[in-house]
Amino acid sequence: MRKLLMLLIQAYRYMISPLLPARCRFMPTCSEYAAEAIGRYGARKGGFLALKRVCRCHPWGGYGYDPVPDTCCAGKEEHNTHADRHSSPRQTVQ
């Protein structure tokens, strides 16, 4: 399945993408992102990450640098704030 998805991405990159105007909002492009995600995580998880990325690619969506998440953080959003990182652990009363 992974090879089939990679083949479809390559077909898009070399046969369809050159016919369309350049209008990518993110870096890396969605096809680069999809190829990296599928290569790193496999067809199921990588395909899901790629689909999420394509769904974010619309006129009202974000833009800029959006890399494939690292293994430790895939599918998780980090909500660490400055206070969370520098707070001391709670002490229990005995």
PDB file of N, CA and C in Angstrom:
ATOM      1  N   MET A   1       0.826  -1.190   0.000  1.00  0.00           N
ATOM      2  CA  MET A   1       0.000   0.000   0.000  1.00  0.00           C
ATOM      3  C   MET A   1       0.876   1.263   0.000  1.00  0.00           C
ATOM      4  N   ARG A   2       1.958   1.220   0.767  1.00  0.00           N
ATOM      5  CA  ARG A   2       2.868   2.361   0.830  1.00  0.00           C
ATOM      6  C   ARG A   2       3.423   2.693  -0.552  1.00  0.00           C
ATOM      7  N   LYS A   3       3.839   1.662  -1.276  1.00  0.00           N
ATOM      8  CA  LYS A   3       4.407   1.876  -2.617  1.00  0.00           C
ATOM      9  C   LYS A   3       3.378   2.464  -3.572  1.00  0.00           C
ATOM     10  N   LEU A   4       2.142   2.012  -3.468  1.00  0.00           N
ATOM     11  CA  LEU A   4       1.074   2.536  -4.321  1.00  0.00           C
ATOM     12  C   LEU A   4       0.836   4.015  -4.042  1.00  0.00           C
ATOM     13  N   LEU A   5       0.774   4.394  -2.768  1.00  0.00           N
ATOM     14  CA  LEU A   5       0.579   5.802  -2.423  1.00  0.00           C
ATOM     15  C   LEU A   5       1.744   6.665  -2.898  1.00  0.00           C
ATOM     16  N   MET A   6       2.959   6.148  -2.718  1.00  0.00           N
ATOM     17  CA  MET A   6       4.134   6.898  -3.181  1.00  0.00           C
ATOM     18  C   MET A   6       4.108   7.055  -4.709  1.00  0.00           C
ATOM     19  N   LEU A   7       3.674   6.032  -5.418  1.00  0.00           N
ATOM     20  CA  LEU A   7       3.559   6.098  -6.869  1.00  0.00           C
ATOM     21  C   LEU A   7       2.520   7.145  -7.285  1.00  0.00           C
ATOM     22  N   LEU A   8       1.395   7.205  -6.576  1.00  0.00           N
ATOM     23  CA  LEU A   8       0.369   8.203  -6.870  1.00  0.00           C
ATOM     24  C   LEU A   8       0.884   9.622  -6.609  1.00  0.00           C
ATOM     25  N   ILE A   9       1.640   9.786  -5.542  1.00  0.00           N
ATOM     26  CA  ILE A   9       2.213  11.103  -5.240  1.00  0.00           C
ATOM     27  C   ILE A   9       3.193  11.515  -6.341  1.00  0.00           C
ATOM     28  N   GLN A  10       4.040  10.583  -6.769  1.00  0.00           N
ATOM     29  CA  GLN A  10       4.995  10.886  -7.833  1.00  0.00           C
ATOM     30  C   GLN A  10       4.275  11.210  -9.144  1.00  0.00           C
ATOM     31  N   ALA A  11       3.207  10.485  -9.434  1.00  0.00           N
ATOM     32  CA  ALA A  11       2.434  10.763 -10.644  1.00  0.00           C
ATOM     33  C   ALA A  11       1.843  12.168 -10.581  1.00  0.00           C
ATOM     34  N   TYR A  12       1.318  12.548  -9.426  1.00  0.00           N
ATOM     35  CA  TYR A  12       0.787  13.903  -9.258  1.00  0.00           C
ATOM     36  C   TYR A  12       1.893  14.934  -9.463  1.00  0.00           C
ATOM     37  N   ARG A  13       3.041  14.716  -8.836  1.00  0.00           N
ATOM     38  CA  ARG A  13       4.140  15.680  -8.903  1.00  0.00           C
ATOM     39  C   ARG A  13       4.644  15.924 -10.324  1.00  0.00           C
ATOM     40  N   TYR A  14       4.713  14.865 -11.121  1.00  0.00           N
ATOM     41  CA  TYR A  14       5.328  14.993 -12.441  1.00  0.00           C
ATOM     42  C   TYR A  14       4.334  15.148 -13.589  1.00  0.00           C
ATOM     43  N   MET A  15       3.053  14.780 -13.381  1.00  0.00           N
ATOM     44  CA  MET A  15       2.105  14.878 -14.487  1.00  0.00           C
ATOM     45  C   MET A  15       1.011  15.915 -14.272  1.00  0.00           C
ATOM     46  N   ILE A  16       0.583  16.134 -13.041  1.00  0.00           N
ATOM     47  CA  ILE A  16      -0.529  17.046 -12.793  1.00  0.00           C
ATOM     48  C   ILE A  16      -0.045  18.390 -12.263  1.00  0.00           C
ATOM     49  N   SER A  17       0.838  18.368 -11.295  1.00  0.00           N
ATOM     50  CA  SER A  17       1.311  19.598 -10.661  1.00  0.00           C
ATOM     51  C   SER A  17       1.914  20.619 -11.640  1.00  0.00           C
ATOM     52  N   PRO A  18       2.699  20.185 -12.632  1.00  0.00           N
ATOM     53  CA  PRO A  18       3.252  21.178 -13.574  1.00  0.00           C
ATOM     54  C   PRO A  18       2.186  21.914 -14.392  1.00  0.00           C
ATOM     55  N   LEU A  19       1.003  21.338 -14.500  1.00  0.00           N
ATOM     56  CA  LEU A  19      -0.078  21.963 -15.263  1.00  0.00           C
ATOM     57  C   LEU A  19      -0.835  23.012 -14.449  1.00  0.00           C
ATOM     58  N   LEU A  20      -0.644  23.010 -13.142  1.00  0.00           N
ATOM     59  CA  LEU A  20      -1.350  23.923 -12.249  1.00  0.00           C
ATOM     60  C   LEU A  20      -0.454  25.093 -11.863  1.00  0.00           C
ATOM     61  N   PRO A  21      -1.052  26.259 -11.595  1.00  0.00           N
ATOM     62  CA  PRO A  21      -0.222  27.384 -11.140  1.00  0.00           C
ATOM     63  C   PRO A  21       0.306  27.123  -9.731  1.00  0.00           C
ATOM     64  N   ALA A  22       1.480  27.648  -9.432  1.00  0.00           N
ATOM     65  CA  ALA A  22       2.068  27.482  -8.098  1.00  0.00           C
ATOM     66  C   ALA A  22       1.264  28.297  -7.101  1.00  0.00           C
ATOM     67  N   ARG A  23       0.720  27.639  -6.105  1.00  0.00           N
ATOM     68  CA  ARG A  23      -0.095  28.335  -5.111  1.00  0.00           C
ATOM     69  C   ARG A  23       0.001  27.682  -3.736  1.00  0.00           C
ATOM     70  N   CYS A  24       1.110  27.075  -3.459  1.00  0.00           N
ATOM     71  CA  CYS A  24       1.271  26.356  -2.207  1.00  0.00           C
ATOM     72  C   CYS A  24       1.381  27.323  -1.033  1.00  0.00           C
ATOM     73  N   ARG A  25       0.651  27.046   0.039  1.00  0.00           N
ATOM     74  CA  ARG A  25       0.623  27.891   1.223  1.00  0.00           C
ATOM     75  C   ARG A  25       1.630  27.438   2.275  1.00  0.00           C
ATOM     76  N   PHE A  26       2.035  26.195   2.192  1.00  0.00           N
ATOM     77  CA  PHE A  26       2.904  25.629   3.214  1.00  0.00           C
ATOM     78  C   PHE A  26       4.259  25.247   2.646  1.00  0.00           C
ATOM     79  N   MET A  27       5.204  25.118   3.532  1.00  0.00           N
ATOM     80  CA  MET A  27       6.527  24.602   3.192  1.00  0.00           C
ATOM     81  C   MET A  27       6.822  23.482   4.164  1.00  0.00           C
ATOM     82  N   PRO A  28       7.083  22.281   3.798  1.00  0.00           N
ATOM     83  CA  PRO A  28       7.152  21.739   2.451  1.00  0.00           C
ATOM     84  C   PRO A  28       5.772  21.657   1.804  1.00  0.00           C
ATOM     85  N   THR A  29       5.772  21.488   0.491  1.00  0.00           N
ATOM     86  CA  THR A  29       4.498  21.394  -0.227  1.00  0.00           C
ATOM     87  C   THR A  29       3.722  20.181   0.255  1.00  0.00           C
ATOM     88  N   CYS A  30       2.444  20.141  -0.058  1.00  0.00           N
ATOM     89  CA  CYS A  30       1.602  19.024   0.399  1.00  0.00           C
ATOM     90  C   CYS A  30       2.089  17.686  -0.144  1.00  0.00           C
ATOM     91  N   SER A  31       2.559  17.660  -1.386  1.00  0.00           N
ATOM     92  CA  SER A  31       3.038  16.391  -1.937  1.00  0.00           C
ATOM     93  C   SER A  31       4.349  15.967  -1.264  1.00  0.00           C
ATOM     94  N   GLU A  32       5.236  16.927  -0.969  1.00  0.00           N
ATOM     95  CA  GLU A  32       6.466  16.600  -0.240  1.00  0.00           C
ATOM     96  C   GLU A  32       6.134  16.109   1.163  1.00  0.00           C
ATOM     97  N   TYR A  33       5.185  16.779   1.812  1.00  0.00           N
ATOM     98  CA  TYR A  33       4.745  16.410   3.154  1.00  0.00           C
ATOM     99  C   TYR A  33       4.177  14.987   3.141  1.00  0.00           C
ATOM    100  N   ALA A  34       3.310  14.710   2.167  1.00  0.00           N
ATOM    101  CA  ALA A  34       2.685  13.389   2.077  1.00  0.00           C
ATOM    102  C   ALA A  34       3.727  12.304   1.846  1.00  0.00           C
ATOM    103  N   ALA A  35       4.670  12.542   0.957  1.00  0.00           N
ATOM    104  CA  ALA A  35       5.709  11.545   0.686  1.00  0.00           C
ATOM    105  C   ALA A  35       6.551  11.293   1.933  1.00  0.00           C
ATOM    106  N   GLU A  36       6.909  12.348   2.650  1.00  0.00           N
ATOM    107  CA  GLU A  36       7.707  12.172   3.869  1.00  0.00           C
ATOM    108  C   GLU A  36       6.905  11.472   4.958  1.00  0.00           C
ATOM    109  N   ALA A  37       5.651  11.856   5.149  1.00  0.00           N
ATOM    110  CA  ALA A  37       4.813  11.243   6.176  1.00  0.00           C
ATOM    111  C   ALA A  37       4.590   9.761   5.901  1.00  0.00           C
ATOM    112  N   ILE A  38       4.303   9.413   4.658  1.00  0.00           N
ATOM    113  CA  ILE A  38       4.076   8.004   4.305  1.00  0.00           C
ATOM    114  C   ILE A  38       5.378   7.223   4.405  1.00  0.00           C
ATOM    115  N   GLY A  39       6.473   7.823   3.982  1.00  0.00           N
ATOM    116  CA  GLY A  39       7.767   7.154   4.109  1.00  0.00           C
ATOM    117  C   GLY A  39       8.165   6.918   5.549  1.00  0.00           C
ATOM    118  N   ARG A  40       7.824   7.849   6.422  1.00  0.00           N
ATOM    119  CA  ARG A  40       8.213   7.754   7.827  1.00  0.00           C
ATOM    120  C   ARG A  40       7.269   6.883   8.646  1.00  0.00           C
ATOM    121  N   TYR A  41       5.957   7.015   8.425  1.00  0.00           N
ATOM    122  CA  TYR A  41       4.964   6.363   9.278  1.00  0.00           C
ATOM    123  C   TYR A  41       4.161   5.253   8.622  1.00  0.00           C
ATOM    124  N   GLY A  42       4.323   5.039   7.322  1.00  0.00           N
ATOM    125  CA  GLY A  42       3.566   3.995   6.650  1.00  0.00           C
ATOM    126  C   GLY A  42       2.288   4.538   6.030  1.00  0.00           C
ATOM    127  N   ALA A  43       1.578   3.652   5.354  1.00  0.00           N
ATOM    128  CA  ALA A  43       0.410   4.058   4.577  1.00  0.00           C
ATOM    129  C   ALA A  43      -0.727   4.580   5.442  1.00  0.00           C
ATOM    130  N   ARG A  44      -1.013   3.922   6.533  1.00  0.00           N
ATOM    131  CA  ARG A  44      -2.177   4.297   7.344  1.00  0.00           C
ATOM    132  C   ARG A  44      -1.946   5.622   8.081  1.00  0.00           C
ATOM    133  N   LYS A  45      -0.945   5.652   8.942  1.00  0.00           N
ATOM    134  CA  LYS A  45      -0.708   6.850   9.750  1.00  0.00           C
ATOM    135  C   LYS A  45      -0.187   8.007   8.888  1.00  0.00           C
ATOM    136  N   GLY A  46       0.746   7.723   7.981  1.00  0.00           N
ATOM    137  CA  GLY A  46       1.259   8.758   7.097  1.00  0.00           C
ATOM    138  C   GLY A  46       0.188   9.301   6.176  1.00  0.00           C
ATOM    139  N   GLY A  47      -0.662   8.409   5.671  1.00  0.00           N
ATOM    140  CA  GLY A  47      -1.769   8.841   4.827  1.00  0.00           C
ATOM    141  C   GLY A  47      -2.746   9.718   5.589  1.00  0.00           C
ATOM    142  N   PHE A  48      -2.981   9.395   6.861  1.00  0.00           N
ATOM    143  CA  PHE A  48      -3.861  10.205   7.693  1.00  0.00           C
ATOM    144  C   PHE A  48      -3.266  11.593   7.925  1.00  0.00           C
ATOM    145  N   LEU A  49      -1.955  11.638   8.224  1.00  0.00           N
ATOM    146  CA  LEU A  49      -1.292  12.929   8.407  1.00  0.00           C
ATOM    147  C   LEU A  49      -1.349  13.759   7.124  1.00  0.00           C
ATOM    148  N   ALA A  50      -1.138  13.112   5.983  1.00  0.00           N
ATOM    149  CA  ALA A  50      -1.185  13.808   4.694  1.00  0.00           C
ATOM    150  C   ALA A  50      -2.594  14.340   4.417  1.00  0.00           C
ATOM    151  N   LEU A  51      -3.608  13.550   4.723  1.00  0.00           N
ATOM    152  CA  LEU A  51      -4.992  13.980   4.521  1.00  0.00           C
ATOM    153  C   LEU A  51      -5.324  15.181   5.405  1.00  0.00           C
ATOM    154  N   LYS A  52      -4.863  15.145   6.665  1.00  0.00           N
ATOM    155  CA  LYS A  52      -5.079  16.285   7.556  1.00  0.00           C
ATOM    156  C   LYS A  52      -4.425  17.543   6.989  1.00  0.00           C
ATOM    157  N   ARG A  53      -3.233  17.378   6.437  1.00  0.00           N
ATOM    158  CA  ARG A  53      -2.510  18.525   5.865  1.00  0.00           C
ATOM    159  C   ARG A  53      -3.256  19.099   4.665  1.00  0.00           C
ATOM    160  N   VAL A  54      -3.726  18.241   3.780  1.00  0.00           N
ATOM    161  CA  VAL A  54      -4.456  18.699   2.594  1.00  0.00           C
ATOM    162  C   VAL A  54      -5.745  19.412   3.016  1.00  0.00           C
ATOM    163  N   CYS A  55      -6.384  18.940   4.072  1.00  0.00           N
ATOM    164  CA  CYS A  55      -7.606  19.591   4.555  1.00  0.00           C
ATOM    165  C   CYS A  55      -7.323  20.969   5.152  1.00  0.00           C
ATOM    166  N   ARG A  56      -6.111  21.198   5.635  1.00  0.00           N
ATOM    167  CA  ARG A  56      -5.740  22.517   6.161  1.00  0.00           C
ATOM    168  C   ARG A  56      -5.360  23.488   5.045  1.00  0.00           C
ATOM    169  N   CYS A  57      -5.198  22.987   3.849  1.00  0.00           N
ATOM    170  CA  CYS A  57      -4.730  23.806   2.735  1.00  0.00           C
ATOM    171  C   CYS A  57      -5.925  24.400   1.992  1.00  0.00           C
ATOM    172  N   HIS A  58      -6.417  25.509   2.502  1.00  0.00           N
ATOM    173  CA  HIS A  58      -7.516  26.228   1.874  1.00  0.00           C
ATOM    174  C   HIS A  58      -7.309  27.721   2.108  1.00  0.00           C
ATOM    175  N   PRO A  59      -8.034  28.577   1.404  1.00  0.00           N
ATOM    176  CA  PRO A  59      -7.781  30.021   1.501  1.00  0.00           C
ATOM    177  C   PRO A  59      -7.865  30.599   2.909  1.00  0.00           C
ATOM    178  N   TRP A  60      -8.644  29.978   3.789  1.00  0.00           N
ATOM    179  CA  TRP A  60      -8.796  30.494   5.146  1.00  0.00           C
ATOM    180  C   TRP A  60      -7.919  29.740   6.139  1.00  0.00           C
ATOM    181  N   GLY A  61      -7.105  28.825   5.645  1.00  0.00           N
ATOM    182  CA  GLY A  61      -6.229  28.030   6.503  1.00  0.00           C
ATOM    183  C   GLY A  61      -4.928  28.747   6.798  1.00  0.00           C
ATOM    184  N   GLY A  62      -4.032  27.999   7.394  1.00  0.00           N
ATOM    185  CA  GLY A  62      -2.742  28.560   7.765  1.00  0.00           C
ATOM    186  C   GLY A  62      -1.784  28.614   6.596  1.00  0.00           C
ATOM    187  N   TYR A  63      -0.553  28.973   6.913  1.00  0.00           N
ATOM    188  CA  TYR A  63       0.499  29.034   5.907  1.00  0.00           C
ATOM    189  C   TYR A  63       1.829  29.013   6.636  1.00  0.00           C
ATOM    190  N   GLY A  64       2.894  28.809   5.893  1.00  0.00           N
ATOM    191  CA  GLY A  64       4.234  28.840   6.470  1.00  0.00           C
ATOM    192  C   GLY A  64       4.845  27.458   6.610  1.00  0.00           C
ATOM    193  N   TYR A  65       5.825  27.363   7.487  1.00  0.00           N
ATOM    194  CA  TYR A  65       6.563  26.119   7.688  1.00  0.00           C
ATOM    195  C   TYR A  65       5.729  25.157   8.519  1.00  0.00           C
ATOM    196  N   ASP A  66       5.483  23.967   7.986  1.00  0.00           N
ATOM    197  CA  ASP A  66       4.660  22.958   8.652  1.00  0.00           C
ATOM    198  C   ASP A  66       5.261  21.587   8.379  1.00  0.00           C
ATOM    199  N   PRO A  67       6.263  21.163   9.155  1.00  0.00           N
ATOM    200  CA  PRO A  67       6.925  19.886   8.902  1.00  0.00           C
ATOM    201  C   PRO A  67       6.109  18.692   9.391  1.00  0.00           C
ATOM    202  N   VAL A  68       6.477  17.513   8.935  1.00  0.00           N
ATOM    203  CA  VAL A  68       5.890  16.271   9.431  1.00  0.00           C
ATOM    204  C   VAL A  68       6.311  16.139  10.889  1.00  0.00           C
ATOM    205  N   PRO A  69       5.378  15.811  11.792  1.00  0.00           N
ATOM    206  CA  PRO A  69       5.739  15.714  13.203  1.00  0.00           C
ATOM    207  C   PRO A  69       6.728  14.584  13.474  1.00  0.00           C
ATOM    208  N   ASP A  70       7.527  14.756  14.524  1.00  0.00           N
ATOM    209  CA  ASP A  70       8.466  13.717  14.939  1.00  0.00           C
ATOM    210  C   ASP A  70       7.714  12.509  15.467  1.00  0.00           C
ATOM    211  N   THR A  71       8.404  11.392  15.568  1.00  0.00           N
ATOM    212  CA  THR A  71       7.800  10.149  16.046  1.00  0.00           C
ATOM    213  C   THR A  71       7.172  10.329  17.418  1.00  0.00           C
ATOM    214  N   CYS A  72       7.868  11.016  18.297  1.00  0.00           N
ATOM    215  CA  CYS A  72       7.366  11.155  19.665  1.00  0.00           C
ATOM    216  C   CYS A  72       6.129  12.030  19.748  1.00  0.00           C
ATOM    217  N   CYS A  73       5.903  12.853  18.788  1.00  0.00           N
ATOM    218  CA  CYS A  73       4.818  13.832  18.876  1.00  0.00           C
ATOM    219  C   CYS A  73       3.730  13.617  17.835  1.00  0.00           C
ATOM    220  N   ALA A  74       3.789  12.591  17.039  1.00  0.00           N
ATOM    221  CA  ALA A  74       2.812  12.389  15.971  1.00  0.00           C
ATOM    222  C   ALA A  74       1.423  12.204  16.551  1.00  0.00           C
ATOM    223  N   GLY A  75       0.498  13.007  16.070  1.00  0.00           N
ATOM    224  CA  GLY A  75      -0.885  12.900  16.504  1.00  0.00           C
ATOM    225  C   GLY A  75      -1.157  13.599  17.821  1.00  0.00           C
ATOM    226  N   LYS A  76      -0.157  14.188  18.444  1.00  0.00           N
ATOM    227  CA  LYS A  76      -0.330  14.886  19.710  1.00  0.00           C
ATOM    228  C   LYS A  76       0.013  16.342  19.509  1.00  0.00           C
ATOM    229  N   GLU A  77      -0.756  17.183  20.141  1.00  0.00           N
ATOM    230  CA  GLU A  77      -0.440  18.601  20.109  1.00  0.00           C
ATOM    231  C   GLU A  77       0.242  18.947  21.411  1.00  0.00           C
ATOM    232  N   GLU A  78       1.304  19.698  21.317  1.00  0.00           N
ATOM    233  CA  GLU A  78       1.999  20.106  22.523  1.00  0.00           C
ATOM    234  C   GLU A  78       1.353  21.363  23.065  1.00  0.00           C
ATOM    235  N   HIS A  79       0.983  21.319  24.328  1.00  0.00           N
ATOM    236  CA  HIS A  79       0.343  22.456  24.968  1.00  0.00           C
ATOM    237  C   HIS A  79       1.198  22.984  26.108  1.00  0.00           C
ATOM    238  N   ASN A  80       2.484  22.737  26.066  1.00  0.00           N
ATOM    239  CA  ASN A  80       3.362  23.225  27.123  1.00  0.00           C
ATOM    240  C   ASN A  80       3.465  24.735  27.047  1.00  0.00           C
ATOM    241  N   THR A  81       3.256  25.345  28.165  1.00  0.00           N
ATOM    242  CA  THR A  81       3.433  26.786  28.244  1.00  0.00           C
ATOM    243  C   THR A  81       4.672  27.063  29.062  1.00  0.00           C
ATOM    244  N   HIS A  82       5.071  28.298  29.118  1.00  0.00           N
ATOM    245  CA  HIS A  82       6.236  28.687  29.897  1.00  0.00           C
ATOM    246  C   HIS A  82       6.039  28.287  31.362  1.00  0.00           C
ATOM    247  N   ALA A  83       4.852  28.489  31.889  1.00  0.00           N
ATOM    248  CA  ALA A  83       4.596  28.156  33.285  1.00  0.00           C
ATOM    249  C   ALA A  83       4.667  26.653  33.522  1.00  0.00           C
ATOM    250  N   ASP A  84       4.187  25.851  32.556  1.00  0.00           N
ATOM    251  CA  ASP A  84       4.219  24.399  32.708  1.00  0.00           C
ATOM    252  C   ASP A  84       5.643  23.874  32.774  1.00  0.00           C
ATOM    253  N   ARG A  85       6.530  24.427  31.990  1.00  0.00           N
ATOM    254  CA  ARG A  85       7.894  23.927  31.936  1.00  0.00           C
ATOM    255  C   ARG A  85       8.715  24.315  33.154  1.00  0.00           C
ATOM    256  N   HIS A  86       8.349  25.397  33.808  1.00  0.00           N
ATOM    257  CA  HIS A  86       9.171  25.899  34.899  1.00  0.00           C
ATOM    258  C   HIS A  86       8.495  25.799  36.265  1.00  0.00           C
ATOM    259  N   SER A  87       7.375  25.132  36.336  1.00  0.00           N
ATOM    260  CA  SER A  87       6.724  25.005  37.628  1.00  0.00           C
ATOM    261  C   SER A  87       7.318  23.825  38.380  1.00  0.00           C
ATOM    262  N   SER A  88       7.295  23.921  39.685  1.00  0.00           N
ATOM    263  CA  SER A  88       7.821  22.843  40.511  1.00  0.00           C
ATOM    264  C   SER A  88       6.752  21.801  40.707  1.00  0.00           C
ATOM    265  N   PRO A  89       7.139  20.549  40.926  1.00  0.00           N
ATOM    266  CA  PRO A  89       6.141  19.505  41.136  1.00  0.00           C
ATOM    267  C   PRO A  89       5.378  19.753  42.421  1.00  0.00           C
ATOM    268  N   ARG A  90       4.141  19.324  42.428  1.00  0.00           N
ATOM    269  CA  ARG A  90       3.318  19.509  43.619  1.00  0.00           C
ATOM    270  C   ARG A  90       3.818  18.615  44.743  1.00  0.00           C
ATOM    271  N   GLN A  91       3.767  19.147  45.912  1.00  0.00           N
ATOM    272  CA  GLN A  91       4.155  18.356  47.071  1.00  0.00           C
ATOM    273  C   GLN A  91       2.885  17.848  47.727  1.00  0.00           C
ATOM    274  N   THR A  92       2.901  16.606  48.135  1.00  0.00           N
ATOM    275  CA  THR A  92       1.739  16.028  48.789  1.00  0.00           C
ATOM    276  C   THR A  92       1.865  16.207  50.290  1.00  0.00           C
ATOM    277  N   VAL A  93       0.756  16.432  50.931  1.00  0.00           N
ATOM    278  CA  VAL A  93       0.726  16.591  52.380  1.00  0.00           C
ATOM    279  C   VAL A  93       0.500  15.227  52.995  1.00  0.00           C
ATOM    280  N   GLN A  94       1.310  14.874  53.985  1.00  0.00           N
ATOM    281  CA  GLN A  94       1.156  13.548  54.613  1.00  0.00           C
ATOM    282  C   GLN A  94       0.452  13.641  55.917  1.00  0.00           C
TER     283      GLN A  94
END
